[in-house]
Protein backbone atom coordinates (compact mmCIF):
# COMPACT_ATOMS: atom_id res chain seq x y z
CA MET A 1 111.44 129.84 -22.62
CA ASN A 2 111.81 132.45 -19.94
CA GLU A 3 114.93 133.56 -18.13
CA GLN A 4 114.23 131.39 -15.09
CA ASP A 5 114.09 128.28 -17.29
CA ARG A 6 117.42 129.23 -18.89
CA ASP A 7 118.86 129.63 -15.37
CA PHE A 8 118.22 125.91 -14.89
CA ILE A 9 119.43 124.82 -18.32
CA THR A 10 122.64 126.84 -18.67
CA PRO A 11 124.46 125.31 -15.68
CA LEU A 12 123.41 121.83 -16.81
CA MET A 13 124.86 122.44 -20.25
CA GLN A 14 128.06 123.79 -18.69
CA GLU A 15 128.39 120.63 -16.60
CA ASN A 16 129.00 118.98 -19.96
CA THR A 17 127.94 115.41 -19.19
CA VAL A 18 125.41 113.26 -21.03
CA GLU A 19 123.31 113.12 -17.87
CA SER A 20 123.27 116.88 -17.37
CA TRP A 21 122.48 117.49 -21.04
CA ALA A 22 119.68 114.91 -20.87
CA GLU A 23 118.21 116.78 -17.92
CA ALA A 24 118.49 120.05 -19.86
CA VAL A 25 116.67 118.45 -22.82
CA CYS A 26 113.90 117.23 -20.48
CA ILE A 27 113.51 120.72 -19.02
CA ALA A 28 113.47 122.32 -22.47
CA ILE A 29 110.81 119.90 -23.71
CA ALA A 30 108.72 120.49 -20.59
CA GLN A 31 108.80 124.24 -21.25
CA LEU A 32 107.50 124.07 -24.84
CA LYS A 33 104.56 126.40 -25.43
CA ASP A 34 102.21 127.06 -28.33
CA LYS A 35 101.70 130.41 -30.05
CA ASP A 36 99.25 131.42 -27.28
CA VAL A 37 101.93 130.69 -24.65
CA LYS A 38 100.05 127.65 -23.35
CA ALA A 39 102.09 124.67 -22.19
CA LEU A 40 102.12 121.84 -24.73
CA GLN A 41 102.92 119.00 -22.29
CA VAL A 42 105.02 117.11 -24.84
CA PHE A 43 106.30 113.65 -23.94
CA LEU A 44 108.42 111.47 -26.20
CA SER A 45 106.67 108.36 -24.84
CA ASP A 46 103.66 107.49 -22.69
CA ASP A 47 106.10 105.76 -20.34
CA TYR A 48 107.98 108.44 -18.38
CA ALA A 49 111.09 106.26 -17.96
CA GLU A 50 111.20 105.87 -21.74
CA HIS A 51 110.76 109.64 -22.13
CA ILE A 52 113.84 110.16 -19.93
CA ARG A 53 115.80 107.54 -21.89
CA LEU A 54 114.92 109.25 -25.17
CA CYS A 55 116.02 112.62 -23.76
CA GLY A 56 119.33 110.90 -23.01
CA GLN A 57 119.55 109.75 -26.64
CA ILE A 58 118.92 113.31 -27.81
CA ALA A 59 121.63 114.55 -25.45
CA LYS A 60 124.11 111.99 -26.80
CA SER A 61 123.28 112.99 -30.36
CA LEU A 62 123.72 116.68 -29.57
CA ARG A 63 127.10 115.89 -28.03
CA GLY A 64 128.14 113.84 -31.08
CA GLU A 65 128.26 110.57 -29.13
CA LYS A 66 126.85 107.17 -30.05
């Protein structure tokens, strides 16, 4: 992850809401690269709405919420 990506994620994490953390998780997943620095294009589901929902679940888990 480069510095520009962190510039998007850091303020979202500081907002400290489930929604902002979910957005940060989505951005982090979208920026995953392989060892050759090629984008992996990882999605948690074929359905994009489900991908977003799952990012929200990850955010809740990271925050210690149910």
